[in-house]
């Protein structure tokens, strides 16, 4: 028979074990630690992380323009209308579209097979998320190869961002060498889009005819540049280009933030190419395309309302509103509007 002291020890141990089992049953098993694996590289020092909306602070969108120019032009294949221009090793073409990328070795560019004297030129584009400062993704018209030093150019450019800023879409027009040499005279208008251009593909287009140039985003006109004189409007045939390249010297905050190749490759995607118009070899009877329901050109009332909304709410810079500029070089700015939403150019 066990001694009283041994019996007391056995009873105490049994009570301890039973209380431990009850506590475990009440609390359940311990949860595993959360998954801390990060699929995206951390931001560089001194750059705060992007907010959840990637810098976009409003979900409001422009009013419907009532007319969709892109619906009038069927998508075409890349090979039917374009070719590689440079950086062939930094392009990938597959049935879903064209992917181009920039790394330390090179960027990449493509060019249309024909030159045009007017037309609708569009593509759906998706940009890279994260830190892309200094990177320029472009879709534009130019005749630089035919008129070096005196060329014309019409740009849609996506200027790379830091961790705390949204992408900037820059539209620009150069006329007869105003983009060449040391005294560059641009006609820039810049916008912060009402959506995140890294989430999905969106439609971007330039419509150019003898009367006007209209820049469109998802069929919404964001800018209209009218022909006010022969000296301020491009009239010579141009080719269509696309590219991704390092523009560290000016693209992001006037060159304050450079391309950081820690985050390479920087990738942009193009698809649903739309290209229609009068080629340089077309007969004089070729009719220029219009961005509105009117064959004569211009914009409808609904399109003007949508453009006014964009310029009031999403435009962050317009060259005619820049009081530091010498507007004798841009005579179309002689009468500066008091409010940016009244520009409508």
Protein backbone atom coordinates (compact mmCIF):
# COMPACT_ATOMS: atom_id res chain seq x y z
CA UNK A 1 0.00 0.00 0.00
CA UNK A 2 1.49 3.41 -1.01
CA UNK A 3 2.45 5.83 1.70
CA UNK A 4 0.21 8.89 2.34
CA UNK A 5 2.81 11.25 0.91
CA UNK A 6 3.07 9.28 -2.36
CA UNK A 7 -0.71 9.13 -2.59
CA UNK A 8 -0.87 12.94 -2.23
CA UNK A 9 1.65 13.40 -5.08
CA UNK A 10 -0.35 11.13 -7.41
CA UNK A 11 -3.60 13.00 -6.68
CA UNK A 12 -1.92 16.42 -7.28
CA UNK A 13 -0.42 15.29 -10.61
CA UNK A 14 -3.78 13.93 -11.80
CA UNK A 15 -5.54 17.21 -11.00
CA UNK A 16 -2.85 19.23 -12.86
CA UNK A 17 -3.11 17.08 -16.00
CA UNK A 18 -6.90 17.28 -16.09
CA UNK A 19 -6.88 21.08 -15.76
CA UNK A 20 -4.33 21.39 -18.60
CA UNK A 21 -6.40 19.22 -20.91
CA UNK A 22 -9.51 21.29 -20.17
CA UNK A 23 -7.70 24.54 -20.89
CA UNK A 24 -6.41 23.22 -24.21
CA UNK A 25 -9.90 22.11 -25.21
CA UNK A 26 -11.25 25.60 -24.43
CA UNK A 27 -8.63 27.61 -26.34
CA UNK A 28 -8.08 25.25 -29.26
CA UNK A 29 -4.83 24.76 -31.13
CA UNK A 30 -2.49 27.73 -31.54
CA UNK A 31 -2.94 29.56 -34.88
CA UNK A 32 -0.01 29.48 -37.29
CA UNK A 33 1.75 32.81 -37.86
CA UNK A 34 0.43 34.87 -40.78
CA UNK A 35 2.14 34.47 -44.16
CA UNK A 36 4.65 37.30 -44.30
CA UNK A 37 5.98 36.46 -47.78
CA UNK A 38 5.87 39.59 -49.95
CA UNK A 39 5.48 39.05 -53.68
CA UNK A 40 6.46 42.66 -54.42
CA UNK A 41 9.82 44.21 -53.58
CA UNK A 42 9.76 46.82 -50.82
CA UNK A 43 9.93 50.47 -51.86
CA UNK A 44 13.33 52.11 -51.92
CA UNK A 45 14.44 54.13 -48.87
CA UNK A 46 12.69 57.47 -48.33
CA UNK A 47 9.74 56.48 -50.55
CA UNK A 48 6.53 55.68 -48.64
CA UNK A 49 4.38 52.82 -49.83
CA UNK A 50 1.55 53.48 -52.25
CA UNK A 51 -1.90 53.75 -50.72
CA UNK A 52 -4.32 50.99 -51.59
CA UNK A 53 -5.75 52.99 -54.50
CA UNK A 54 -2.22 53.54 -55.92
CA UNK A 55 -2.56 57.30 -55.59
CA UNK A 56 -6.02 57.54 -57.16
CA UNK A 57 -8.13 59.42 -54.64
CA UNK A 58 -11.52 59.37 -56.34
CA UNK A 59 -13.67 56.75 -58.00
CA UNK A 60 -15.64 59.34 -59.97
CA UNK A 61 -15.56 59.02 -63.74
CA UNK A 62 -16.38 61.48 -66.51
CA UNK A 63 -19.91 61.59 -67.92
CA UNK A 64 -20.57 59.33 -70.88
CA UNK A 65 -19.52 61.02 -74.14
CA UNK A 66 -22.47 59.61 -76.06
CA UNK A 67 -20.33 58.54 -79.01
CA UNK A 68 -17.56 55.93 -79.13
CA UNK A 69 -15.08 56.54 -81.97
CA UNK A 70 -13.25 53.24 -81.35
CA UNK A 71 -16.41 51.32 -82.28
CA UNK A 72 -16.06 52.62 -85.84
CA UNK A 73 -12.65 51.02 -86.39
CA UNK A 74 -11.95 47.30 -86.20
CA UNK A 75 -8.87 46.04 -84.33
CA UNK A 76 -6.03 44.90 -86.56
CA UNK A 77 -3.10 42.59 -85.98
CA UNK A 78 0.28 44.02 -85.06
CA UNK A 79 2.08 42.42 -88.01
CA UNK A 80 -0.42 43.80 -90.48
CA UNK A 81 0.32 47.42 -89.62
CA UNK A 82 3.52 47.58 -87.52
CA UNK A 83 7.07 46.28 -87.29
CA UNK A 84 9.84 46.28 -84.73
CA UNK A 85 11.97 49.43 -84.84
CA UNK A 86 14.55 48.81 -82.11
CA UNK A 87 15.13 46.57 -79.10
CA UNK A 88 13.85 43.45 -80.84
CA UNK A 89 15.10 41.30 -77.97
CA UNK A 90 12.87 43.32 -75.61
CA UNK A 91 9.61 42.60 -77.44
CA UNK A 92 7.34 39.58 -77.31
CA UNK A 93 4.44 39.16 -79.73
CA UNK A 94 1.78 36.55 -79.09
CA UNK A 95 -1.94 36.17 -79.90
CA UNK A 96 -2.87 38.31 -76.88
CA UNK A 97 -0.80 41.30 -78.00
CA UNK A 98 2.64 42.88 -77.79
CA UNK A 99 4.74 43.06 -74.63
CA UNK A 100 7.72 45.44 -74.45
CA UNK A 101 10.13 45.94 -71.59
CA UNK A 102 12.99 48.07 -70.36
CA UNK A 103 16.02 46.88 -68.41
CA UNK A 104 19.63 47.98 -68.05
CA UNK A 105 20.44 46.60 -71.50
CA UNK A 106 17.74 48.26 -73.61
CA UNK A 107 14.20 49.40 -74.10
CA UNK A 108 12.12 48.72 -77.21
CA UNK A 109 10.08 50.42 -79.91
CA UNK A 110 7.84 49.72 -82.91
CA UNK A 111 6.68 51.67 -85.96
CA UNK A 112 3.81 51.56 -88.44
CA UNK A 113 4.46 50.22 -91.92
CA UNK A 114 2.92 53.30 -93.53
CA UNK A 115 2.95 57.04 -93.02
CA UNK A 116 -0.38 58.84 -92.70
CA UNK A 117 -1.57 62.37 -93.32
CA UNK A 118 -4.63 61.92 -91.09
CA UNK A 119 -6.37 59.16 -89.20
CA UNK A 120 -7.44 57.40 -86.02
CA UNK A 121 -4.59 55.66 -84.20
CA UNK A 122 -5.35 53.67 -81.07
CA UNK A 123 -4.29 50.80 -78.84
CA UNK A 124 -5.26 49.25 -75.54
CA UNK A 125 -2.39 49.60 -73.07
CA UNK A 126 -1.65 48.21 -69.60
CA UNK A 127 1.17 49.63 -67.47
CA UNK A 128 3.38 48.12 -64.80
CA UNK A 129 2.50 48.66 -61.16
CA UNK A 130 4.92 49.71 -58.43
CA UNK A 131 7.90 52.04 -58.68
CA UNK A 132 8.46 53.09 -62.32
CA UNK A 133 10.00 56.55 -61.95
CA UNK A 134 11.95 57.66 -65.02
CA UNK A 135 10.26 55.13 -67.33
CA UNK A 136 8.40 56.47 -70.36
CA UNK A 137 5.80 54.32 -72.14
CA UNK A 138 4.67 56.07 -75.31
CA UNK A 139 2.21 55.85 -78.20
CA UNK A 140 2.73 58.67 -80.67
CA UNK A 141 2.93 60.06 -84.21
CA UNK A 142 6.15 61.42 -85.67
CA UNK A 143 8.04 62.14 -88.88
CA UNK A 144 11.43 62.49 -87.20
CA UNK A 145 13.07 59.99 -89.54
CA UNK A 146 11.92 61.97 -92.60
CA UNK A 147 12.52 65.48 -91.24
CA UNK A 148 15.39 65.31 -88.78
CA UNK A 149 15.87 68.58 -86.94
CA UNK A 150 12.52 69.90 -88.22
CA UNK A 151 10.08 67.16 -87.32
CA UNK A 152 6.46 67.10 -86.16
CA UNK A 153 5.22 64.92 -83.31
CA UNK A 154 1.98 64.15 -81.44
CA UNK A 155 2.43 62.28 -78.15
CA UNK A 156 0.61 60.19 -75.61
CA UNK A 157 3.16 59.39 -72.90
CA UNK A 158 2.84 57.65 -69.56
CA UNK A 159 5.38 59.13 -67.17
CA UNK A 160 6.63 56.69 -64.53
CA UNK A 161 5.72 57.24 -60.91
CA UNK A 162 7.24 57.08 -57.46
CA UNK A 163 5.68 55.01 -54.72
CA UNK A 164 3.46 57.85 -53.54
CA UNK A 165 2.21 59.28 -56.85
CA UNK A 166 -0.15 58.14 -59.63
CA UNK A 167 0.93 57.82 -63.25
CA UNK A 168 0.87 61.02 -65.28
CA UNK A 169 -0.50 60.87 -68.80
CA UNK A 170 1.17 63.57 -70.89
CA UNK A 171 -0.16 64.74 -74.24
CA UNK A 172 2.10 66.91 -76.37
CA UNK A 173 2.42 68.48 -79.81
CA UNK A 174 5.64 69.50 -81.56
CA UNK A 175 5.51 71.41 -84.85
CA UNK A 176 8.28 71.79 -87.45
CA UNK A 177 11.23 71.34 -85.17
CA UNK A 178 9.85 72.79 -81.93
CA UNK A 179 10.95 69.54 -80.28
CA UNK A 180 14.46 69.65 -81.72
CA UNK A 181 17.65 71.38 -80.64
CA UNK A 182 18.30 73.28 -77.46
CA UNK A 183 15.20 75.51 -77.42
CA UNK A 184 12.41 72.97 -77.15
CA UNK A 185 8.88 74.35 -77.25
CA UNK A 186 6.33 71.76 -76.21
CA UNK A 187 2.58 72.08 -75.98
CA UNK A 188 2.02 69.78 -73.03
CA UNK A 189 -1.15 68.96 -71.13
CA UNK A 190 -0.90 66.42 -68.30
CA UNK A 191 -3.56 64.39 -66.54
CA UNK A 192 -4.01 62.04 -63.61
CA UNK A 193 -6.42 59.37 -64.79
CA UNK A 194 -9.67 58.51 -63.02
CA UNK A 195 -8.66 54.83 -62.86
CA UNK A 196 -5.57 52.77 -62.12
CA UNK A 197 -3.90 52.08 -65.53
CA UNK A 198 -2.00 49.09 -64.08
CA UNK A 199 -5.11 47.05 -63.22
CA UNK A 200 -6.61 46.52 -66.66
CA UNK A 201 -6.16 47.45 -70.32
CA UNK A 202 -7.62 50.81 -71.33
CA UNK A 203 -8.06 52.39 -74.76
CA UNK A 204 -5.86 55.34 -75.74
CA UNK A 205 -6.07 57.06 -79.11
CA UNK A 206 -5.00 60.03 -81.19
CA UNK A 207 -7.35 61.33 -83.85
CA UNK A 208 -5.63 63.68 -86.28
CA UNK A 209 -7.30 65.41 -89.21
CA UNK A 210 -6.64 68.68 -91.06
CA UNK A 211 -8.70 70.66 -88.52
CA UNK A 212 -7.76 69.24 -85.13
CA UNK A 213 -5.99 66.69 -82.97
CA UNK A 214 -8.12 64.94 -80.35
CA UNK A 215 -6.67 62.78 -77.58
CA UNK A 216 -9.00 60.09 -76.24
CA UNK A 217 -8.99 57.76 -73.22
CA UNK A 218 -11.62 55.00 -73.29
CA UNK A 219 -13.37 57.04 -76.02
CA UNK A 220 -13.56 60.10 -73.78
CA UNK A 221 -11.91 63.17 -75.36
CA UNK A 222 -9.48 64.63 -72.84
CA UNK A 223 -7.92 67.28 -75.07
CA UNK A 224 -8.63 68.99 -78.37
CA UNK A 225 -5.82 70.83 -80.15
CA UNK A 226 -7.24 72.93 -82.98
CA UNK A 227 -5.47 74.16 -86.07
CA UNK A 228 -5.23 77.92 -85.55
CA UNK A 229 -2.41 78.58 -88.00
CA UNK A 230 -0.12 76.68 -90.35
CA UNK A 231 2.84 77.37 -88.07
CA UNK A 232 1.30 75.76 -84.98
CA UNK A 233 -0.24 72.61 -86.48
CA UNK A 234 1.40 69.50 -87.99
CA UNK A 235 0.40 68.98 -91.62
CA UNK A 236 3.09 66.65 -93.01
CA UNK A 237 2.62 62.83 -93.04
CA UNK A 238 3.62 60.97 -89.87
CA UNK A 239 4.18 57.36 -88.82
CA UNK A 240 2.73 55.73 -85.71
CA UNK A 241 5.15 54.62 -82.99
CA UNK A 242 5.16 52.92 -79.62
CA UNK A 243 8.06 52.56 -77.19
CA UNK A 244 9.34 52.08 -73.67
CA UNK A 245 12.55 53.86 -72.72
CA UNK A 246 14.55 55.48 -69.93
CA UNK A 247 13.61 59.16 -69.63
CA UNK A 248 15.19 59.68 -66.20
CA UNK A 249 16.41 63.17 -67.06
CA UNK A 250 12.86 64.61 -67.14
CA UNK A 251 9.98 62.14 -66.88
CA UNK A 252 9.25 62.06 -63.13
CA UNK A 253 9.17 65.34 -61.20
CA UNK A 254 11.41 66.99 -63.81
CA UNK A 255 14.10 64.34 -63.37
CA UNK A 256 14.19 64.36 -59.56
CA UNK A 257 13.46 60.63 -59.46
CA UNK A 258 15.47 58.34 -61.75
CA UNK A 259 14.87 54.88 -63.11
CA UNK A 260 15.81 52.34 -60.42
CA UNK A 261 16.87 49.12 -62.12
CA UNK A 262 16.44 47.24 -58.85
CA UNK A 263 12.87 46.85 -60.11
CA UNK A 264 13.65 45.76 -63.68
CA UNK A 265 12.27 44.68 -66.03
CA UNK A 266 9.71 47.46 -66.54
CA UNK A 267 6.94 45.97 -68.67
CA UNK A 268 4.17 47.53 -70.76
CA UNK A 269 1.58 45.70 -72.84
CA UNK A 270 -0.22 46.77 -76.04
CA UNK A 271 -3.14 45.07 -77.76
CA UNK A 272 -6.27 45.79 -79.84
CA UNK A 273 -4.47 48.04 -82.30
CA UNK A 274 -6.79 50.29 -84.30
CA UNK A 275 -5.39 52.19 -87.26
CA UNK A 276 -7.48 53.83 -89.97
CA UNK A 277 -7.02 56.91 -92.08
CA UNK A 278 -5.50 58.44 -95.15
CA UNK A 279 -2.02 57.16 -95.84
CA UNK A 280 0.56 59.40 -97.45
CA UNK A 281 -0.05 57.60 -100.75
CA UNK A 282 -3.86 57.85 -100.61
CA UNK A 283 -5.69 59.85 -103.27
CA UNK A 284 -6.78 63.42 -102.52
CA UNK A 285 -10.34 62.10 -102.29
CA UNK A 286 -9.56 60.17 -99.09
CA UNK A 287 -11.90 61.59 -96.45
CA UNK A 288 -10.36 62.34 -93.01
CA UNK A 289 -11.94 60.53 -90.07
CA UNK A 290 -13.93 62.27 -87.35
CA UNK A 291 -14.02 61.80 -83.56
CA UNK A 292 -17.70 62.74 -83.35
CA UNK A 293 -20.98 61.80 -85.03
CA UNK A 294 -20.41 64.73 -87.39
CA UNK A 295 -18.46 63.89 -90.53
CA UNK A 296 -17.18 67.46 -90.60
CA UNK A 297 -15.29 66.89 -87.33
CA UNK A 298 -15.46 68.65 -84.01
CA UNK A 299 -17.10 67.24 -80.89
CA UNK A 300 -20.71 66.78 -79.85
CA UNK A 301 -22.22 68.50 -76.80
CA UNK A 302 -21.90 65.33 -74.72
CA UNK A 303 -18.27 64.91 -75.77
CA UNK A 304 -17.54 68.52 -74.83
CA UNK A 305 -19.17 67.98 -71.43
CA UNK A 306 -17.03 64.90 -70.83
CA UNK A 307 -13.87 66.74 -71.88
CA UNK A 308 -14.74 69.69 -69.66
CA UNK A 309 -15.11 67.31 -66.70
CA UNK A 310 -11.69 65.77 -67.34
CA UNK A 311 -9.96 69.12 -67.72
CA UNK A 312 -11.61 70.48 -64.58
CA UNK A 313 -11.05 67.43 -62.38
CA UNK A 314 -8.04 65.50 -63.73
CA UNK A 315 -5.80 67.93 -65.61
CA UNK A 316 -2.71 68.82 -63.57
CA UNK A 317 -0.81 70.98 -66.09
CA UNK A 318 -1.46 72.93 -69.28
CA UNK A 319 1.23 74.85 -71.10
CA UNK A 320 -1.04 77.82 -71.76
CA UNK A 321 -1.66 78.17 -68.01
CA UNK A 322 2.07 78.17 -67.20
CA UNK A 323 2.96 81.79 -66.44
CA UNK A 324 6.69 80.97 -66.46
CA UNK A 325 6.58 80.16 -70.17
CA UNK A 326 7.38 82.58 -72.99
CA UNK A 327 4.06 82.55 -74.79
CA UNK A 328 5.39 84.52 -77.74
CA UNK A 329 6.63 81.07 -78.81
CA UNK A 330 3.12 79.64 -78.47
CA UNK A 331 0.90 82.32 -80.04
CA UNK A 332 -2.21 80.17 -79.62
CA UNK A 333 -1.93 81.00 -75.88
CA UNK A 334 -2.38 84.76 -76.30
CA UNK A 335 -5.75 84.75 -74.55
CA UNK A 336 -5.21 82.66 -71.43
CA UNK A 337 -8.41 81.36 -69.82
CA UNK A 338 -9.01 82.23 -66.20
CA UNK A 339 -10.09 78.69 -65.39
CA UNK A 340 -8.48 75.52 -66.69
CA UNK A 341 -11.85 73.89 -67.42
CA UNK A 342 -12.47 76.63 -69.99
CA UNK A 343 -9.44 75.72 -72.10
CA UNK A 344 -11.14 73.05 -74.19
CA UNK A 345 -8.23 72.80 -76.59
